[in-house]
C-alpha atoms as a PDB file:
ATOM      1  CA  MET A   1     -73.209-159.342 -47.042  1.00  0.00           C
ATOM      2  CA  HIS A   2     -73.767-162.095 -49.592  1.00  0.00           C
ATOM      3  CA  LYS A   3     -72.305-161.222 -52.980  1.00  0.00           C
ATOM      4  CA  ASP A   4     -75.787-161.414 -54.587  1.00  0.00           C
ATOM      5  CA  ALA A   5     -77.552-159.410 -51.872  1.00  0.00           C
ATOM      6  CA  ILE A   6     -79.092-156.063 -52.780  1.00  0.00           C
ATOM      7  CA  PRO A   7     -77.404-153.176 -50.914  1.00  0.00           C
ATOM      8  CA  VAL A   8     -79.541-151.555 -48.241  1.00  0.00           C
ATOM      9  CA  HIS A   9     -81.261-148.265 -49.075  1.00  0.00           C
ATOM     10  CA  LEU A  10     -80.104-145.277 -47.017  1.00  0.00           C
ATOM     11  CA  PHE A  11     -83.661-144.056 -46.414  1.00  0.00           C
ATOM     12  CA  SER A  12     -84.710-147.531 -45.288  1.00  0.00           C
ATOM     13  CA  GLU A  13     -82.064-147.530 -42.571  1.00  0.00           C
ATOM     14  CA  LEU A  14     -82.735-143.941 -41.495  1.00  0.00           C
ATOM     15  CA  ALA A  15     -86.477-144.581 -41.255  1.00  0.00           C
ATOM     16  CA  LYS A  16     -85.942-147.334 -38.683  1.00  0.00           C
ATOM     17  CA  THR A  17     -84.986-144.858 -35.938  1.00  0.00           C
ATOM     18  CA  THR A  18     -86.532-141.682 -34.562  1.00  0.00           C
ATOM     19  CA  THR A  19     -83.233-139.886 -35.152  1.00  0.00           C
ATOM     20  CA  GLY A  20     -83.265-140.968 -38.763  1.00  0.00           C
ATOM     21  CA  ILE A  21     -86.876-139.841 -39.150  1.00  0.00           C
ATOM     22  CA  SER A  22     -85.869-136.408 -37.842  1.00  0.00           C
ATOM     23  CA  ILE A  23     -83.116-136.227 -40.452  1.00  0.00           C
ATOM     24  CA  LEU A  24     -85.538-137.141 -43.242  1.00  0.00           C
ATOM     25  CA  SER A  25     -88.117-134.702 -41.952  1.00  0.00           C
ATOM     26  CA  ASN A  26     -85.687-131.792 -41.614  1.00  0.00           C
ATOM     27  CA  ALA A  27     -84.494-132.441 -45.183  1.00  0.00           C
ATOM     28  CA  ASN A  28     -88.112-132.353 -46.455  1.00  0.00           C
ATOM     29  CA  VAL A  29     -87.465-135.686 -48.152  1.00  0.00           C
ATOM     30  CA  LEU A  30     -91.131-136.598 -48.582  1.00  0.00           C
ATOM     31  CA  LYS A  31     -91.923-133.241 -50.189  1.00  0.00           C
ATOM     32  CA  VAL A  32     -89.027-133.677 -52.602  1.00  0.00           C
ATOM     33  CA  LEU A  33     -90.153-137.202 -53.495  1.00  0.00           C
ATOM     34  CA  ALA A  34     -93.754-136.075 -53.997  1.00  0.00           C
ATOM     35  CA  ALA A  35     -92.623-133.183 -56.187  1.00  0.00           C
ATOM     36  CA  THR A  36     -90.523-135.566 -58.300  1.00  0.00           C
ATOM     37  CA  LEU A  37     -93.503-137.844 -58.919  1.00  0.00           C
ATOM     38  CA  LYS A  38     -95.668-134.863 -59.859  1.00  0.00           C
ATOM     39  CA  ASN A  39     -93.090-133.124 -62.050  1.00  0.00           C
ATOM     40  CA  LYS A  40     -93.796-133.773 -65.741  1.00  0.00           C
ATOM     41  CA  GLU A  41     -90.230-132.764 -66.590  1.00  0.00           C
ATOM     42  CA  ALA A  42     -88.678-135.389 -64.293  1.00  0.00           C
ATOM     43  CA  SER A  43     -87.123-138.368 -66.071  1.00  0.00           C
ATOM     44  CA  LEU A  44     -88.396-141.918 -65.648  1.00  0.00           C
ATOM     45  CA  VAL A  45     -85.221-142.799 -63.753  1.00  0.00           C
ATOM     46  CA  GLN A  46     -85.873-139.977 -61.269  1.00  0.00           C
ATOM     47  CA  LYS A  47     -89.502-141.027 -60.780  1.00  0.00           C
ATOM     48  CA  LYS A  48     -88.566-144.670 -60.308  1.00  0.00           C
ATOM     49  CA  GLY A  49     -85.895-143.650 -57.816  1.00  0.00           C
ATOM     50  CA  ALA A  50     -88.506-141.660 -55.890  1.00  0.00           C
ATOM     51  CA  LEU A  51     -90.853-144.662 -55.804  1.00  0.00           C
ATOM     52  CA  TRP A  52     -88.136-146.971 -54.502  1.00  0.00           C
ATOM     53  CA  ALA A  53     -87.240-144.385 -51.845  1.00  0.00           C
ATOM     54  CA  ILE A  54     -90.872-144.168 -50.714  1.00  0.00           C
ATOM     55  CA  GLY A  55     -91.170-147.947 -50.526  1.00  0.00           C
ATOM     56  CA  ASN A  56     -87.987-148.285 -48.516  1.00  0.00           C
ATOM     57  CA  ILE A  57     -89.039-145.577 -46.072  1.00  0.00           C
ATOM     58  CA  GLY A  58     -92.333-147.407 -45.498  1.00  0.00           C
ATOM     59  CA  SER A  59     -90.725-150.812 -44.990  1.00  0.00           C
ATOM     60  CA  SER A  60     -90.466-150.304 -41.209  1.00  0.00           C
ATOM     61  CA  LYS A  61     -93.047-149.319 -38.589  1.00  0.00           C
ATOM     62  CA  THR A  62     -91.476-145.958 -37.825  1.00  0.00           C
ATOM     63  CA  GLY A  63     -90.994-145.213 -41.518  1.00  0.00           C
ATOM     64  CA  LEU A  64     -94.577-146.193 -42.299  1.00  0.00           C
ATOM     65  CA  SER A  65     -95.856-143.841 -39.613  1.00  0.00           C
ATOM     66  CA  PHE A  66     -93.742-141.119 -41.224  1.00  0.00           C
ATOM     67  CA  LEU A  67     -95.338-141.816 -44.619  1.00  0.00           C
ATOM     68  CA  LEU A  68     -98.803-141.631 -43.081  1.00  0.00           C
ATOM     69  CA  THR A  69     -98.255-137.959 -42.260  1.00  0.00           C
ATOM     70  CA  THR A  70     -98.785-137.411 -45.996  1.00  0.00           C
ATOM     71  CA  LYS A  71    -100.988-138.877 -48.739  1.00  0.00           C
ATOM     72  CA  MET A  72     -97.951-140.551 -50.284  1.00  0.00           C
ATOM     73  CA  ILE A  73     -99.225-144.136 -50.120  1.00  0.00           C
ATOM     74  CA  LYS A  74    -102.460-143.185 -51.877  1.00  0.00           C
ATOM     75  CA  LYS A  75    -100.436-141.528 -54.643  1.00  0.00           C
ATOM     76  CA  VAL A  76     -98.267-144.620 -55.131  1.00  0.00           C
ATOM     77  CA  VAL A  77    -101.338-146.886 -55.231  1.00  0.00           C
ATOM     78  CA  LYS A  78    -102.811-144.638 -57.922  1.00  0.00           C
ATOM     79  CA  LEU A  79     -99.596-144.843 -59.952  1.00  0.00           C
ATOM     80  CA  ALA A  80     -99.520-148.636 -59.611  1.00  0.00           C
ATOM     81  CA  GLU A  81    -103.071-148.856 -60.930  1.00  0.00           C
ATOM     82  CA  ARG A  82    -103.239-146.070 -63.508  1.00  0.00           C
ATOM     83  CA  ALA A  83     -99.792-144.807 -64.593  1.00  0.00           C
ATOM     84  CA  GLU A  84     -99.612-144.482 -68.377  1.00  0.00           C
ATOM     85  CA  VAL A  85     -95.996-145.670 -68.390  1.00  0.00           C
ATOM     86  CA  LEU A  86     -96.071-149.387 -67.587  1.00  0.00           C
ATOM     87  CA  SER A  87     -92.573-149.476 -66.085  1.00  0.00           C
ATOM     88  CA  ILE A  88     -93.747-146.875 -63.551  1.00  0.00           C
ATOM     89  CA  ARG A  89     -96.653-149.165 -62.645  1.00  0.00           C
ATOM     90  CA  GLY A  90     -94.217-152.014 -62.113  1.00  0.00           C
ATOM     91  CA  VAL A  91     -91.885-150.038 -59.860  1.00  0.00           C
ATOM     92  CA  ALA A  92     -94.840-148.645 -57.899  1.00  0.00           C
ATOM     93  CA  LEU A  93     -96.074-152.224 -57.382  1.00  0.00           C
ATOM     94  CA  CYS A  94     -92.650-153.289 -56.059  1.00  0.00           C
ATOM     95  CA  ALA A  95     -92.461-150.218 -53.823  1.00  0.00           C
ATOM     96  CA  LEU A  96     -95.831-151.053 -52.286  1.00  0.00           C
ATOM     97  CA  GLY A  97     -94.600-154.600 -51.752  1.00  0.00           C
ATOM     98  CA  LEU A  98     -92.001-153.235 -49.329  1.00  0.00           C
ATOM     99  CA  LEU A  99     -94.818-151.899 -47.145  1.00  0.00           C
ATOM    100  CA  VAL A 100     -96.052-155.463 -46.645  1.00  0.00           C
ATOM    101  CA  LYS A 101     -93.074-156.159 -44.379  1.00  0.00           C
ATOM    102  CA  THR A 102     -95.135-154.800 -41.466  1.00  0.00           C
ATOM    103  CA  SER A 103     -98.611-155.819 -40.312  1.00  0.00           C
ATOM    104  CA  GLU A 104     -99.614-152.143 -40.332  1.00  0.00           C
ATOM    105  CA  GLY A 105     -98.532-151.879 -43.954  1.00  0.00           C
ATOM    106  CA  LYS A 106    -100.651-154.900 -44.849  1.00  0.00           C
ATOM    107  CA  GLU A 107    -103.731-153.342 -43.247  1.00  0.00           C
ATOM    108  CA  ILE A 108    -103.248-150.076 -45.116  1.00  0.00           C
ATOM    109  CA  LEU A 109    -102.934-151.788 -48.499  1.00  0.00           C
ATOM    110  CA  GLN A 110    -105.912-154.006 -47.742  1.00  0.00           C
ATOM    111  CA  SER A 111    -107.938-150.847 -47.136  1.00  0.00           C
ATOM    112  CA  TYR A 112    -107.184-149.923 -50.764  1.00  0.00           C
ATOM    113  CA  ASN A 113    -108.618-153.298 -51.840  1.00  0.00           C
ATOM    114  CA  TRP A 114    -105.205-154.884 -52.376  1.00  0.00           C
ATOM    115  CA  ARG A 115    -104.112-158.416 -51.457  1.00  0.00           C
ATOM    116  CA  THR A 116    -100.917-158.913 -49.468  1.00  0.00           C
ATOM    117  CA  TYR A 117     -98.590-161.820 -48.738  1.00  0.00           C
ATOM    118  CA  SER A 118     -95.370-162.039 -46.813  1.00  0.00           C
ATOM    119  CA  LYS A 119     -92.908-164.458 -45.305  1.00  0.00           C
ATOM    120  CA  PRO A 120     -89.249-164.054 -44.351  1.00  0.00           C
ATOM    121  CA  GLY A 121     -87.476-162.557 -47.351  1.00  0.00           C
ATOM    122  CA  ILE A 122     -90.638-162.125 -49.433  1.00  0.00           C
ATOM    123  CA  SER A 123     -93.316-159.413 -49.371  1.00  0.00           C
ATOM    124  CA  VAL A 124     -95.685-158.900 -52.286  1.00  0.00           C
ATOM    125  CA  THR A 125     -98.962-157.162 -52.974  1.00  0.00           C
ATOM    126  CA  ALA A 126    -101.391-156.751 -55.865  1.00  0.00           C
ATOM    127  CA  PRO A 127    -104.876-155.303 -56.484  1.00  0.00           C
ATOM    128  CA  LYS A 128    -107.743-157.687 -55.734  1.00  0.00           C
ATOM    129  CA  GLN A 129    -109.200-156.594 -59.054  1.00  0.00           C
ATOM    130  CA  ILE A 130    -106.067-157.615 -60.939  1.00  0.00           C
ATOM    131  CA  LYS A 131    -107.446-156.355 -64.255  1.00  0.00           C
ATOM    132  CA  THR A 132    -106.987-152.864 -62.812  1.00  0.00           C
ATOM    133  CA  PHE A 133    -103.232-153.345 -63.023  1.00  0.00           C
ATOM    134  CA  PHE A 134    -103.373-154.470 -66.657  1.00  0.00           C
ATOM    135  CA  THR A 135    -105.996-152.037 -67.950  1.00  0.00           C
ATOM    136  CA  LEU A 136    -104.770-149.264 -70.243  1.00  0.00           C
ATOM    137  CA  ALA A 137    -106.642-146.096 -71.110  1.00  0.00           C
ATOM    138  CA  PRO A 138    -107.232-145.559 -74.855  1.00  0.00           C
ATOM    139  CA  LEU A 139    -104.237-143.845 -76.407  1.00  0.00           C
ATOM    140  CA  ASP A 140    -104.423-140.975 -78.848  1.00  0.00           C
ATOM    141  CA  PHE A 141    -102.139-142.277 -81.599  1.00  0.00           C
ATOM    142  CA  LYS A 142    -100.439-139.343 -83.262  1.00  0.00           C
ATOM    143  CA  GLY A 143     -98.630-141.281 -85.964  1.00  0.00           C
ATOM    144  CA  ASP A 144     -95.051-142.357 -86.455  1.00  0.00           C
ATOM    145  CA  ILE A 145     -92.132-141.305 -88.626  1.00  0.00           C
ATOM    146  CA  THR A 146     -93.867-142.552 -91.791  1.00  0.00           C
ATOM    147  CA  SER A 147     -96.591-139.950 -91.314  1.00  0.00           C
ATOM    148  CA  ASN A 148     -94.309-137.119 -90.200  1.00  0.00           C
ATOM    149  CA  LYS A 149     -94.192-135.071 -93.389  1.00  0.00           C
ATOM    150  CA  GLU A 150     -92.008-132.341 -91.875  1.00  0.00           C
ATOM    151  CA  ALA A 151     -89.287-134.830 -90.933  1.00  0.00           C
ATOM    152  CA  TRP A 152     -89.300-136.431 -94.373  1.00  0.00           C
ATOM    153  CA  THR A 153     -89.246-133.034 -96.078  1.00  0.00           C
ATOM    154  CA  LEU A 154     -86.239-131.932 -94.007  1.00  0.00           C
ATOM    155  CA  ILE A 155     -84.301-135.123 -94.767  1.00  0.00           C
ATOM    156  CA  ASN A 156     -85.104-135.169 -98.485  1.00  0.00           C
ATOM    157  CA  ASP A 157     -84.447-131.447 -98.983  1.00  0.00           C
ATOM    158  CA  THR A 158     -81.099-131.666 -97.192  1.00  0.00           C
ATOM    159  CA  ILE A 159     -79.990-134.641 -99.292  1.00  0.00           C
ATOM    160  CA  ARG A 160     -81.123-132.865-102.479  1.00  0.00           C
ATOM    161  CA  ARG A 161     -79.156-129.684-101.641  1.00  0.00           C
ATOM    162  CA  TYR A 162     -75.963-131.660-101.169  1.00  0.00           C
ATOM    163  CA  GLU A 163     -76.301-133.193-104.674  1.00  0.00           C
ATOM    164  CA  PHE A 164     -74.831-136.490-103.528  1.00  0.00           C
ATOM    165  CA  SER A 165     -73.511-139.129-105.913  1.00  0.00           C
ATOM    166  CA  GLU A 166     -75.188-142.524-106.211  1.00  0.00           C
ATOM    167  CA  GLU A 167     -72.609-144.033-103.863  1.00  0.00           C
ATOM    168  CA  TYR A 168     -73.503-141.537-101.132  1.00  0.00           C
ATOM    169  CA  LEU A 169     -77.207-142.215-101.632  1.00  0.00           C
ATOM    170  CA  THR A 170     -76.519-145.946-101.379  1.00  0.00           C
ATOM    171  CA  VAL A 171     -74.766-145.438 -98.029  1.00  0.00           C
ATOM    172  CA  LEU A 172     -77.716-143.425 -96.693  1.00  0.00           C
ATOM    173  CA  LYS A 173     -80.128-146.141 -97.818  1.00  0.00           C
ATOM    174  CA  LEU A 174     -78.043-148.842 -96.152  1.00  0.00           C
ATOM    175  CA  ILE A 175     -77.890-146.836 -92.931  1.00  0.00           C
ATOM    176  CA  GLY A 176     -81.668-146.483 -93.064  1.00  0.00           C
ATOM    177  CA  ASP A 177     -81.860-150.275 -93.529  1.00  0.00           C
ATOM    178  CA  LEU A 178     -80.087-150.740 -90.180  1.00  0.00           C
ATOM    179  CA  SER A 179     -83.276-149.594 -88.445  1.00  0.00           C
ATOM    180  CA  ASN A 180     -84.980-152.815 -89.594  1.00  0.00           C
ATOM    181  CA  HIS A 181     -83.850-156.148 -88.114  1.00  0.00           C
ATOM    182  CA  ILE A 182     -84.515-157.908 -91.426  1.00  0.00           C
ATOM    183  CA  THR A 183     -82.778-155.531 -93.840  1.00  0.00           C
ATOM    184  CA  GLN A 184     -79.883-154.858 -91.454  1.00  0.00           C
ATOM    185  CA  LYS A 185     -78.507-158.376 -92.058  1.00  0.00           C
ATOM    186  CA  SER A 186     -77.431-157.433 -95.578  1.00  0.00           C
ATOM    187  CA  ALA A 187     -76.767-153.750 -94.750  1.00  0.00           C
ATOM    188  CA  PHE A 188     -74.036-154.413 -92.176  1.00  0.00           C
ATOM    189  CA  PRO A 189     -71.593-156.259 -94.479  1.00  0.00           C
ATOM    190  CA  GLU A 190     -72.286-153.909 -97.395  1.00  0.00           C
ATOM    191  CA  LEU A 191     -71.542-150.825 -95.283  1.00  0.00           C
ATOM    192  CA  LYS A 192     -68.371-152.468 -94.026  1.00  0.00           C
ATOM    193  CA  ARG A 193     -67.282-153.164 -97.611  1.00  0.00           C
ATOM    194  CA  ILE A 194     -67.949-149.580 -98.723  1.00  0.00           C
ATOM    195  CA  SER A 195     -66.166-148.089 -95.707  1.00  0.00           C
ATOM    196  CA  GLN A 196     -63.082-150.186 -96.501  1.00  0.00           C
ATOM    197  CA  MET A 197     -63.162-149.351-100.210  1.00  0.00           C
ATOM    198  CA  ASN A 198     -63.848-145.640 -99.766  1.00  0.00           C
ATOM    199  CA  PRO A 199     -62.943-144.489 -96.227  1.00  0.00           C
ATOM    200  CA  LYS A 200     -62.762-140.829 -97.309  1.00  0.00           C
ATOM    201  CA  MET A 201     -66.528-140.832 -97.818  1.00  0.00           C
ATOM    202  CA  PHE A 202     -66.988-141.219 -94.063  1.00  0.00           C
ATOM    203  CA  MET A 203     -64.852-138.141 -93.462  1.00  0.00           C
ATOM    204  CA  ASP A 204     -67.489-136.015 -95.212  1.00  0.00           C
ATOM    205  CA  ALA A 205     -69.368-133.792 -92.741  1.00  0.00           C
ATOM    206  CA  ARG A 206     -72.246-133.444 -95.213  1.00  0.00           C
ATOM    207  CA  LEU A 207     -72.854-137.194 -95.163  1.00  0.00           C
ATOM    208  CA  TYR A 208     -72.632-137.219 -91.365  1.00  0.00           C
ATOM    209  CA  HIS A 209     -75.200-134.419 -91.174  1.00  0.00           C
ATOM    210  CA  CYS A 210     -77.679-136.520 -93.155  1.00  0.00           C
ATOM    211  CA  VAL A 211     -76.907-139.535 -90.973  1.00  0.00           C
ATOM    212  CA  VAL A 212     -77.653-137.470 -87.849  1.00  0.00           C
ATOM    213  CA  LEU A 213     -81.044-136.576 -89.343  1.00  0.00           C
ATOM    214  CA  LEU A 214     -81.723-140.282 -89.953  1.00  0.00           C
ATOM    215  CA  LEU A 215     -80.669-141.198 -86.405  1.00  0.00           C
ATOM    216  CA  THR A 216     -82.943-138.470 -85.056  1.00  0.00           C
ATOM    217  CA  ASN A 217     -86.025-139.487 -87.008  1.00  0.00           C
ATOM    218  CA  TYR A 218     -85.661-143.265 -87.309  1.00  0.00           C
ATOM    219  CA  CYS A 219     -85.778-145.815 -84.501  1.00  0.00           C
ATOM    220  CA  PHE A 220     -82.391-147.560 -84.264  1.00  0.00           C
ATOM    221  CA  LYS A 221     -81.429-150.127 -81.663  1.00  0.00           C
ATOM    222  CA  LEU A 222     -78.229-149.636 -79.675  1.00  0.00           C
ATOM    223  CA  GLN A 223     -75.951-151.944 -81.696  1.00  0.00           C
ATOM    224  CA  PRO A 224     -76.723-150.435 -85.140  1.00  0.00           C
ATOM    225  CA  ARG A 225     -76.615-146.913 -83.701  1.00  0.00           C
ATOM    226  CA  LYS A 226     -73.188-147.572 -82.184  1.00  0.00           C
ATOM    227  CA  TYR A 227     -71.943-149.093 -85.449  1.00  0.00           C
ATOM    228  CA  ILE A 228     -73.113-146.089 -87.461  1.00  0.00           C
ATOM    229  CA  ILE A 229     -71.293-143.634 -85.187  1.00  0.00           C
ATOM    230  CA  GLN A 230     -68.128-145.748 -85.346  1.00  0.00           C
ATOM    231  CA  LEU A 231     -68.145-145.439 -89.146  1.00  0.00           C
ATOM    232  CA  PHE A 232     -67.461-141.723 -88.665  1.00  0.00           C
ATOM    233  CA  ASP A 233     -64.891-142.047 -85.857  1.00  0.00           C
ATOM    234  CA  LYS A 234     -62.085-140.345 -87.796  1.00  0.00           C
ATOM    235  CA  LEU A 235     -64.363-137.439 -88.725  1.00  0.00           C
ATOM    236  CA  LEU A 236     -65.672-136.983 -85.182  1.00  0.00           C
ATOM    237  CA  TYR A 237     -62.178-136.917 -83.698  1.00  0.00           C
ATOM    238  CA  SER A 238     -60.645-134.726 -86.372  1.00  0.00           C
ATOM    239  CA  ALA A 239     -59.299-131.297 -85.384  1.00  0.00           C
ATOM    240  CA  ASN A 240     -61.658-129.349 -87.657  1.00  0.00           C
ATOM    241  CA  PHE A 241     -64.819-131.381 -87.039  1.00  0.00           C
ATOM    242  CA  ILE A 242     -66.874-128.584 -85.449  1.00  0.00           C
ATOM    243  CA  ALA A 243     -66.054-126.104 -88.200  1.00  0.00           C
ATOM    244  CA  ASN A 244     -66.677-128.626 -90.986  1.00  0.00           C
ATOM    245  CA  TYR A 245     -69.915-129.856 -89.463  1.00  0.00           C
ATOM    246  CA  SER A 246     -71.214-126.309 -88.940  1.00  0.00           C
ATOM    247  CA  GLN A 247     -70.438-125.496 -92.562  1.00  0.00           C
ATOM    248  CA  ALA A 248     -72.217-128.655 -93.718  1.00  0.00           C
ATOM    249  CA  ILE A 249     -75.320-127.735 -91.737  1.00  0.00           C
ATOM    250  CA  SER A 250     -75.381-124.235 -93.242  1.00  0.00           C
ATOM    251  CA  LEU A 251     -75.176-125.724 -96.741  1.00  0.00           C
ATOM    252  CA  GLY A 252     -77.825-128.348 -96.082  1.00  0.00           C
ATOM    253  CA  ASN A 253     -80.218-126.058 -94.213  1.00  0.00           C
ATOM    254  CA  PRO A 254     -79.735-122.527 -95.566  1.00  0.00           C
ATOM    255  CA  LEU A 255     -81.437-119.655 -93.794  1.00  0.00           C
ATOM    256  CA  PRO A 256     -84.603-118.237 -95.428  1.00  0.00           C
ATOM    257  CA  ASN A 257     -83.984-115.718 -98.220  1.00  0.00           C
ATOM    258  CA  THR A 258     -80.286-116.627 -98.569  1.00  0.00           C
END
């Protein structure tokens, strides 16, 4: 195999033989894949994996015939045209492209008003009405963090109960600034300076509790999020972290009537 070649899919190889089809059938693979696509609790990774599995099964004549015992292809076409999550549309489109490897697969997709094209090493498909693929249903915008009064109330009340000094409040503001690609440029070096000047501050479970609330309610990219957690490395790996953090939470969020 060429070092850049994509590894073969197990279901693709099984679907090429009648013995393999029997194995897939006895394992109720198609039912499991259909249930995954229908399950609202399934993750995007699981749904994308199911779509790739379906496409690979249908990439051969015997596998395609196996798919035709269900309404699976129709379901994938619907996802490619109407899925609310655009990455699901993209994977569904690629999965359907695998069906184009056979003339029978081309005919089936053409019956759904899709165009097909293939040559050795390439098989693609797309709706004839291409705007179908790019059309989005109107979304019911429910607001973002700036309009979430409950989240802001929780954060502000917790900070108020802790009665932090100005230096603590400055750290929390700088951490909040890391969620913005413009303000993070000045926040990074300032946080580094403070952590070097006052490392004990980042051993405070109360401060970490407030930071966790910020990380939960703000949108941070991976690099800033990783940097923030690293600031509290010594606290997180300390022997009494769980006890100290639990105590901090009880102080910051007291039970009603206590």
